[in-house]
Amino acid sequence: MTTTASEATGAKTAAVRFAQVTKAYGEVRAVAGLSLELHPGETVALLGPNGAGKSSTLDLLLGLRTADSGSVEVFGTAPQAAIAAGRVGAMLQTGGLMEDVTVAELVGLACALHPRPFPVAEVLSRAGITRIGDRMVNKLSGGQEQRVRFALATAGAHDLIVLDEPTTGMDVTARQAFWATMREQAAQGRTVLFATHYLEEADAVADRVLVLHKGRLIADGTAAEIKARAGARRISFELEGPVDEAALRSLPHLSALDVNGSRVRIQSHDADATVHAVYGLGLYPRALEVAGLGLEQAFVALTEAEEARTAC
């Protein structure tokens, strides 16, 4: 029977712990005093704009780079020790796949090297690549290559699975199957950490969302908590006749305005006051909607606020 992360480490042991970690490349601080903990069974999304430090954070976690200061632990040990023990599986964007072998041969090698391997047929099936098992690796499409990387990352009973933009190149059906498998992995006590630009995936899949900006953790919570923290709300309505965009920009508590024909979309830090002011302008909005921000809008609002704060 497979031992889960929680059984192997105990409930109090963090799957991942960063303690005041820094990493610089010349004058660029890619990671700046980062502290965080991930726990067994969590599915965690790592978000951030380009240059936020996501790749450097994953490299430090996987022992591919060494921190300048602070400490990184994986299940209470150095990352290299956890990886050598077969506790960590990774699916990265960088690095090529071995060529001149079939998909089944490559997956079979990964299984043979793992201290707690799954059967090759099971790994192929889980990744949805059974039908292409006899195809040469260098004859695969981009989406098929991604699924092979996923198979390699799950060839054995890892306790932590690290995924960097895992669904790039996959079609909708493959993405759905992929995340169904990841939910199964988390349900078995494994920790899943994934970096993605598909914010709808983070919203739908992650138990927890981490937002990085210039190497610092600026938000940590559920997707709902991240949305609430952004503070702003979305207001949408239609207007008859010419739209006076200048008048709309004078509305109080406005953080963003988009006018497309007769449709007006607003982000406001006080939706009630903004809507009241719309009527105060003598306007009569139709199809009025007020809603919280989606994760994508909240992400943009948080990073823009942090950019403005650090620029001061």
Protein backbone atom coordinates (compact mmCIF):
# COMPACT_ATOMS: atom_id res chain seq x y z
CA MET A 1 0.00 0.00 0.00
CA THR A 2 1.31 3.45 -0.89
CA THR A 3 2.39 5.62 2.04
CA THR A 4 0.98 9.12 1.84
CA ALA A 5 2.87 12.26 2.71
CA SER A 6 0.88 12.82 5.87
CA GLU A 7 1.57 9.27 7.08
CA ALA A 8 5.23 9.45 6.20
CA THR A 9 5.96 12.82 7.78
CA GLY A 10 3.37 13.41 10.45
CA ALA A 11 0.75 16.12 10.39
CA LYS A 12 3.06 18.74 11.94
CA THR A 13 5.86 18.43 9.39
CA ALA A 14 5.60 20.90 6.53
CA ALA A 15 5.96 19.50 3.04
CA VAL A 16 7.89 22.66 2.09
CA ARG A 17 9.35 25.38 4.27
CA PHE A 18 11.07 28.57 3.07
CA ALA A 19 12.54 30.71 5.87
CA GLN A 20 13.69 34.21 4.88
CA VAL A 21 15.12 32.94 1.59
CA THR A 22 16.98 35.28 -0.74
CA LYS A 23 18.48 34.69 -4.17
CA ALA A 24 20.12 37.29 -6.39
CA TYR A 25 21.61 37.25 -9.86
CA GLY A 26 24.01 40.14 -9.91
CA GLU A 27 22.00 43.22 -8.94
CA VAL A 28 18.65 41.50 -9.52
CA ARG A 29 17.00 40.04 -6.40
CA ALA A 30 14.87 37.23 -7.77
CA VAL A 31 13.80 36.04 -4.30
CA ALA A 32 13.68 38.59 -1.48
CA GLY A 33 13.17 37.29 2.05
CA LEU A 34 10.60 34.68 1.08
CA SER A 35 8.98 32.73 3.92
CA LEU A 36 6.17 30.20 3.43
CA GLU A 37 5.02 26.71 4.34
CA LEU A 38 3.12 24.13 2.30
CA HIS A 39 1.35 21.23 3.96
CA PRO A 40 0.55 17.63 2.98
CA GLY A 41 -2.57 17.30 0.86
CA GLU A 42 -2.67 20.93 -0.28
CA THR A 43 -3.04 21.96 -3.91
CA VAL A 44 -1.28 25.31 -4.18
CA ALA A 45 -1.11 27.72 -7.12
CA LEU A 46 1.94 29.96 -7.49
CA LEU A 47 1.09 33.16 -9.35
CA GLY A 48 3.03 36.23 -10.33
CA PRO A 49 3.85 38.41 -13.34
CA ASN A 50 6.95 37.74 -15.40
CA GLY A 51 10.00 38.46 -13.26
CA ALA A 52 8.13 37.80 -10.01
CA GLY A 53 10.53 35.04 -8.96
CA LYS A 54 8.36 31.98 -9.63
CA SER A 55 11.00 30.04 -11.58
CA SER A 56 13.74 30.89 -9.09
CA THR A 57 11.49 29.78 -6.23
CA LEU A 58 10.85 26.44 -7.93
CA ASP A 59 14.57 26.02 -8.70
CA LEU A 60 15.40 26.55 -5.02
CA LEU A 61 12.68 24.12 -3.98
CA LEU A 62 14.06 21.45 -6.32
CA GLY A 63 17.67 21.98 -5.28
CA LEU A 64 18.63 23.25 -8.73
CA ARG A 65 19.95 26.46 -7.17
CA THR A 66 21.24 27.35 -3.72
CA ALA A 67 19.84 30.21 -1.66
CA ASP A 68 22.12 33.14 -0.86
CA SER A 69 20.61 33.26 2.63
CA GLY A 70 17.79 31.65 4.56
CA SER A 71 16.83 28.00 4.38
CA VAL A 72 14.73 25.70 2.19
CA GLU A 73 13.44 22.40 3.54
CA VAL A 74 11.39 19.66 1.90
CA PHE A 75 9.79 17.30 4.44
CA GLY A 76 12.30 18.52 7.02
CA THR A 77 15.40 17.81 4.93
CA ALA A 78 17.45 19.53 2.23
CA PRO A 79 15.72 19.46 -1.18
CA GLN A 80 18.43 17.23 -2.66
CA ALA A 81 17.88 14.62 0.07
CA ALA A 82 14.11 14.57 -0.46
CA ILE A 83 14.58 14.20 -4.21
CA ALA A 84 17.15 11.41 -3.80
CA ALA A 85 14.63 9.57 -1.61
CA GLY A 86 12.05 9.75 -4.40
CA ARG A 87 9.71 12.03 -2.50
CA VAL A 88 9.53 14.79 -5.13
CA GLY A 89 8.25 14.64 -8.71
CA ALA A 90 8.64 17.59 -11.04
CA MET A 91 7.24 18.66 -14.39
CA LEU A 92 9.26 21.61 -15.68
CA GLN A 93 9.18 23.73 -18.83
CA THR A 94 12.94 23.64 -19.21
CA GLY A 95 14.90 20.60 -20.34
CA GLY A 96 14.21 18.29 -23.25
CA LEU A 97 12.99 14.72 -23.38
CA MET A 98 15.23 11.79 -24.27
CA GLU A 99 14.97 11.06 -28.00
CA ASP A 100 15.38 7.84 -30.02
CA VAL A 101 13.20 5.93 -27.55
CA THR A 102 9.49 5.24 -27.46
CA VAL A 103 7.15 6.87 -24.97
CA ALA A 104 6.68 3.55 -23.15
CA GLU A 105 10.43 2.98 -22.96
CA LEU A 106 11.02 6.43 -21.49
CA VAL A 107 8.25 6.05 -18.93
CA GLY A 108 9.49 2.55 -18.13
CA LEU A 109 12.95 3.94 -17.39
CA ALA A 110 11.48 6.55 -15.03
CA CYS A 111 9.53 3.85 -13.21
CA ALA A 112 12.58 1.59 -12.97
CA LEU A 113 14.64 4.35 -11.38
CA HIS A 114 12.05 5.30 -8.77
CA PRO A 115 12.30 3.74 -5.29
CA ARG A 116 8.47 3.48 -5.08
CA PRO A 117 7.39 2.99 -8.71
CA PHE A 118 3.91 2.61 -10.11
CA PRO A 119 3.29 0.03 -12.88
CA VAL A 120 4.21 1.43 -16.30
CA ALA A 121 0.74 0.70 -17.71
CA GLU A 122 -0.85 2.64 -14.83
CA VAL A 123 1.42 5.65 -15.39
CA LEU A 124 0.70 5.68 -19.13
CA SER A 125 -3.04 5.43 -18.51
CA ARG A 126 -3.06 8.17 -15.86
CA ALA A 127 -1.29 10.54 -18.26
CA GLY A 128 -3.59 9.62 -21.16
CA ILE A 129 -0.74 8.40 -23.36
CA THR A 130 -1.39 4.64 -23.57
CA ARG A 131 -2.27 4.94 -27.28
CA ILE A 132 1.04 6.60 -28.11
CA GLY A 133 3.19 4.29 -26.00
CA ASP A 134 4.98 2.91 -29.08
CA ARG A 135 5.56 6.33 -30.67
CA MET A 136 9.05 7.79 -30.77
CA VAL A 137 9.46 10.71 -28.38
CA ASN A 138 10.81 13.01 -31.08
CA LYS A 139 7.59 12.52 -33.09
CA LEU A 140 5.27 13.97 -30.45
CA SER A 141 3.20 17.15 -30.60
CA GLY A 142 3.65 19.83 -27.95
CA GLY A 143 0.58 18.70 -26.00
CA GLN A 144 1.72 15.07 -26.13
CA GLU A 145 5.15 16.07 -24.83
CA GLN A 146 3.47 17.78 -21.89
CA ARG A 147 1.57 14.62 -21.05
CA VAL A 148 4.79 12.58 -21.23
CA ARG A 149 6.43 15.04 -18.82
CA PHE A 150 3.44 14.57 -16.53
CA ALA A 151 3.91 10.79 -16.71
CA LEU A 152 7.57 11.15 -15.76
CA ALA A 153 6.62 13.39 -12.81
CA THR A 154 4.16 10.79 -11.51
CA ALA A 155 6.12 7.59 -12.26
CA GLY A 156 6.34 6.80 -8.55
CA ALA A 157 4.66 7.54 -5.23
CA HIS A 158 5.96 11.06 -4.75
CA ASP A 159 4.85 13.04 -1.70
CA LEU A 160 5.30 16.41 -3.43
CA ILE A 161 4.53 17.11 -7.08
CA VAL A 162 5.89 20.36 -8.55
CA LEU A 163 4.41 21.56 -11.85
CA ASP A 164 5.59 24.52 -13.93
CA GLU A 165 2.93 25.66 -16.43
CA PRO A 166 1.75 22.04 -16.67
CA THR A 167 -1.14 22.39 -19.14
CA THR A 168 0.59 24.53 -21.77
CA GLY A 169 -0.19 23.02 -25.16
CA MET A 170 -2.94 20.72 -23.86
CA ASP A 171 -6.44 20.84 -25.30
CA VAL A 172 -9.49 21.31 -23.08
CA THR A 173 -10.17 17.59 -22.66
CA ALA A 174 -6.56 16.86 -21.73
CA ARG A 175 -6.57 19.72 -19.21
CA GLN A 176 -9.69 18.44 -17.52
CA ALA A 177 -8.24 14.92 -17.28
CA PHE A 178 -4.96 16.30 -15.97
CA TRP A 179 -6.58 18.24 -13.13
CA ALA A 180 -8.84 15.32 -12.24
CA THR A 181 -5.68 13.27 -11.74
CA MET A 182 -4.08 16.01 -9.66
CA ARG A 183 -7.14 16.12 -7.40
CA GLU A 184 -6.76 12.37 -6.89
CA GLN A 185 -3.10 12.85 -5.99
CA ALA A 186 -3.95 15.53 -3.42
CA ALA A 187 -6.75 13.38 -1.98
CA GLN A 188 -4.14 10.71 -1.28
CA GLY A 189 -2.21 13.16 0.89
CA ARG A 190 0.26 14.44 -1.66
CA THR A 191 1.14 18.12 -1.94
CA VAL A 192 0.69 19.64 -5.40
CA LEU A 193 2.39 22.96 -6.20
CA PHE A 194 1.85 24.46 -9.64
CA ALA A 195 2.90 27.69 -11.31
CA THR A 196 0.52 28.85 -14.02
CA HIS A 197 -0.55 31.76 -16.20
CA TYR A 198 -4.02 30.22 -16.55
CA LEU A 199 -5.65 32.00 -13.64
CA GLU A 200 -8.96 30.25 -14.23
CA GLU A 201 -7.16 26.99 -13.41
CA ALA A 202 -5.86 28.41 -10.15
CA ASP A 203 -9.35 29.64 -9.30
CA ALA A 204 -10.96 26.28 -10.03
CA VAL A 205 -8.30 23.88 -8.73
CA ALA A 206 -6.19 25.39 -5.96
CA ASP A 207 -6.98 25.13 -2.25
CA ARG A 208 -4.55 27.99 -1.74
CA VAL A 209 -3.07 30.73 -3.91
CA LEU A 210 0.34 32.37 -3.44
CA VAL A 211 1.05 35.63 -5.28
CA LEU A 212 4.67 36.69 -5.78
CA HIS A 213 5.88 40.12 -6.81
CA LYS A 214 9.58 40.91 -7.23
CA GLY A 215 10.53 37.91 -5.14
CA ARG A 216 8.21 38.71 -2.25
CA LEU A 217 5.02 37.00 -1.15
CA ILE A 218 2.31 39.66 -1.35
CA ALA A 219 -0.78 37.46 -0.94
CA ASP A 220 -1.48 34.03 0.52
CA GLY A 221 -4.96 32.56 0.90
CA THR A 222 -7.83 30.85 -0.85
CA ALA A 223 -8.91 32.20 -4.21
CA ALA A 224 -11.93 33.76 -2.48
CA GLU A 225 -9.70 35.46 0.09
CA ILE A 226 -7.39 36.81 -2.63
CA LYS A 227 -10.40 38.26 -4.46
CA ALA A 228 -11.71 39.84 -1.27
CA ARG A 229 -8.31 41.29 -0.42
CA ALA A 230 -8.17 43.13 -3.74
CA GLY A 231 -11.05 45.19 -2.40
CA ALA A 232 -12.47 46.43 -5.70
CA ARG A 233 -15.74 45.29 -7.25
CA ARG A 234 -16.88 45.15 -10.85
CA ILE A 235 -19.75 47.36 -12.09
CA SER A 236 -21.18 46.77 -15.53
CA PHE A 237 -24.05 48.52 -17.31
CA GLU A 238 -25.26 49.91 -20.64
CA LEU A 239 -26.09 53.52 -21.52
CA GLU A 240 -28.30 54.90 -24.24
CA GLY A 241 -26.92 57.52 -26.58
CA PRO A 242 -23.37 58.91 -26.65
CA VAL A 243 -21.23 57.92 -23.67
CA ASP A 244 -19.42 60.80 -21.93
CA GLU A 245 -16.25 58.99 -20.94
CA ALA A 246 -14.78 62.11 -19.28
CA ALA A 247 -17.79 62.34 -16.97
CA LEU A 248 -17.47 58.66 -16.08
CA ARG A 249 -13.81 59.15 -15.17
CA SER A 250 -14.90 61.70 -12.57
CA LEU A 251 -16.82 59.04 -10.65
CA PRO A 252 -15.60 58.50 -7.07
CA HIS A 253 -13.57 55.44 -6.01
CA LEU A 254 -12.86 54.51 -9.63
CA SER A 255 -9.84 52.21 -10.16
CA ALA A 256 -10.48 51.18 -13.78
CA LEU A 257 -12.84 52.15 -16.60
CA ASP A 258 -13.55 50.45 -19.92
CA VAL A 259 -16.07 51.78 -22.43
CA ASN A 260 -16.98 49.61 -25.41
CA GLY A 261 -19.80 51.17 -27.39
CA SER A 262 -22.74 51.45 -25.03
CA ARG A 263 -21.31 48.95 -22.53
CA VAL A 264 -19.47 50.42 -19.53
CA ARG A 265 -17.29 48.36 -17.22
CA ILE A 266 -15.91 49.85 -14.02
CA GLN A 267 -13.76 48.68 -11.14
CA SER A 268 -14.49 50.55 -7.92
CA HIS A 269 -13.25 50.43 -4.32
CA ASP A 270 -16.72 51.52 -3.13
CA ALA A 271 -19.30 50.16 -5.55
CA ASP A 272 -22.29 51.63 -3.68
CA ALA A 273 -20.88 55.16 -3.81
CA THR A 274 -19.87 54.79 -7.46
CA VAL A 275 -23.29 53.56 -8.56
CA HIS A 276 -24.97 56.36 -6.58
CA ALA A 277 -22.74 58.85 -8.39
CA VAL A 278 -23.67 57.38 -11.78
CA TYR A 279 -27.30 58.29 -11.09
CA GLY A 280 -26.09 61.65 -9.76
CA LEU A 281 -24.70 62.40 -13.23
CA GLY A 282 -28.22 62.07 -14.59
CA LEU A 283 -27.44 58.73 -16.21
CA TYR A 284 -29.83 55.79 -16.22
CA PRO A 285 -27.83 52.56 -16.49
CA ARG A 286 -29.51 49.50 -17.93
CA ALA A 287 -28.62 45.86 -17.19
CA LEU A 288 -26.71 47.02 -14.11
CA GLU A 289 -24.51 44.34 -12.53
CA VAL A 290 -22.26 44.60 -9.47
CA ALA A 291 -19.98 41.67 -8.61
CA GLY A 292 -16.72 40.84 -6.94
CA LEU A 293 -13.53 40.65 -8.96
CA GLY A 294 -12.51 37.40 -10.61
CA LEU A 295 -9.13 35.99 -9.64
CA GLU A 296 -7.51 37.47 -12.74
CA GLN A 297 -8.75 40.99 -11.98
CA ALA A 298 -7.82 40.60 -8.31
CA PHE A 299 -4.34 39.42 -9.29
CA VAL A 300 -3.85 42.45 -11.53
CA ALA A 301 -5.18 44.81 -8.84
CA LEU A 302 -2.86 43.38 -6.17
CA THR A 303 0.27 43.45 -8.33
CA GLU A 304 -0.47 46.97 -9.61
CA ALA A 305 -0.99 48.17 -6.02
CA GLU A 306 2.29 46.56 -4.97
CA GLU A 307 4.08 48.10 -7.95
CA ALA A 308 2.76 51.54 -6.98
CA ARG A 309 3.74 51.02 -3.34
CA THR A 310 7.31 49.95 -4.10
CA ALA A 311 7.75 52.76 -6.64
CA CYS A 312 7.11 55.41 -3.97
